[in-house]
Amino acid sequence: MTVLILHGVGGYAGIHWLQWMHDELVAESYTVIMPTLPNSDRPDRKQWLQVIKNAVKDVNISELIIVGHSLGVPAALDFIEQVGGKVKALISVSGFSDNYGSPINDFYMREKNIDFVKVKEHLEKSFVIYADDDPHVPQTSLQLLADSLGVEPIVIPHGGHFNSDTKFKKEFPLLLEIINNIE
């Protein structure tokens, strides 16, 4: 099984709990791909998609689990929408799919809408995790992603945006448990 870990806007490979996740998965014999997506302070949507495609070009898509944090989730959805075959799973952490008006994400999100008919055709399983107090993404946008994927979200009390400002800055055991239970 291969796990692709995607950071969000302003991030890089290994930020927050991502390095811990990488190390835990490697220790459990997963293949892990964790690219630093370019220009993360003002990402180009097409460029991020191309980096993701290049990163997984030799991966069996049916054995691919994608973990996305925040803006890494729309990037993952763009990839899933276009992929040939079915991705094993998508795990969204503080992810969204709509342009909810945040200046930091608006330029990226206004480029296109995600086609959830195609996404669901190309995705075997999906999980949506968010906190009840996310200070960056509105609850309606977090829930909209779960609704669009047709899944019941996992809502964690007081998790914030699951970044360095929260108790999840170094570890995220629930995420590891979810990955280990994907069949």
Foldseek 3Di string as FASTA:
>chain_A
DEEEEEEAAPDFQPFFARVVLVVVVVVVVHHYHYGGQPPSQQDDLVSLLVVVCVRCVPPDQLAYEYEYAARRVCSVLVNLLPDDAAHLEYEYQLYFQACPPDPSCNVVNVVDHRDLVSNLVRYDYYAQEYEPAAPRDDPVRSVVVCVSNVHDYHYHYQCHRLGCVGPRRHHDVVVVVVVVPRD
